[in-house]
Amino acid sequence: MQAPFGSILNLTVFPARSWLSLGPGWAMLAGLLSTGAVEIRLATLIQILTLWLLVDPLLGALWELSAQQGIWRRMLPAQLPPPTQQGFYLPYALPGSVAGRWVLRVRRYAAWWRGQFWPDAGQRLVAFGLVAGLALLLSLSFNSTLGWLTLLALGLIILAGQTQPDLAAPDGGRLQSIAQLLLPWVMGVVAWSTLGPLDLALGICYWVTYLGGLRMAGQHRRAELLFFLGQIAAVLLLLALRWLPGAALVGALLVGQLVVKTKFSQPTDFLAQAQPYLILSLLVAGWSLGQVTG
């Protein structure tokens, strides 16, 4: 028997993949390190945890609802019920008139919403709205720039949800890489500082790497070129800034990935083993940039 009193909403959180998986949380942390403005204090750690909740579980849940479960795609091919000839009481909404045809369509859409969409996907739509609202509130607790970036992320997530995600498609991974790496990187920067050209340049380097990894999983030609060129560009950027320790370590991690690549013929197997190298490379590069510019 259901208790008569209790919470109105329930939120279930579960791990989607290993902690050693390159994604929004690590990208945000690297972007934060690239500012060189982090002080190890309790208040700072709480802010970092709050920002991680925003970019990883919250925006990740919205990506899952929109792109993977396709709540928006259910609206596009809606099978509307047959039109009804009842309910036209306005002079300009008589059957056959322009307004009448619009009224018919609205009534048919309302019937489809009540009878088909809402029973099947209504809970997920409500969850999307609540999580999106919570994400916006968390972002605005930092600053308005982070709020606008969160709105941009929501727009990309909804746009990505219009079609079935397919990494093997010609544009496979593009929106996903922006939403899951480049935007979280920028959000990590603007939460503590202003976005500079060097911060953006290093973020783009690892965005290219992330995009290359996604396209490798989609069996695209020359995807490996993107994957490794992004990291080579990061090494060259650190060398140009004359931060040799960071450049050497990122270069060594890149060589380690090349060695791992020789042991696996399948891209997915290689990417699974390369994750620790990628995460450490991302964090070292971000920290190194922070030491130069901070």
Foldseek 3Di string as FASTA:
>chain_A
DDDPDDDPDDDDDDDPDDPLFDWLLLLLLLLLLLQLPDDPDPVSVVLSVLLSCLQPVLLVLLLCLQAVVQLVQCPPVQDFDDFDQDDPDDPQLHPPHPNVVVVRVVVRSVCSCVPPSCVVCVVSVVVNVVSLVVSLVSQVVQPVVSNVLSVVLSVLSNVNSNDHAALLDPCHPPSVLCSIRLSSSCSSNVSRHHDDPLSNLLSVLVSQLNSLLSNLLSVDPCSVVSNLRSLVSLLVSLVVLVLVVLSVLSVVLSVVLVVLPVVDDRSVVSSVVSSNSSSVNSNSSSNSSSVSND
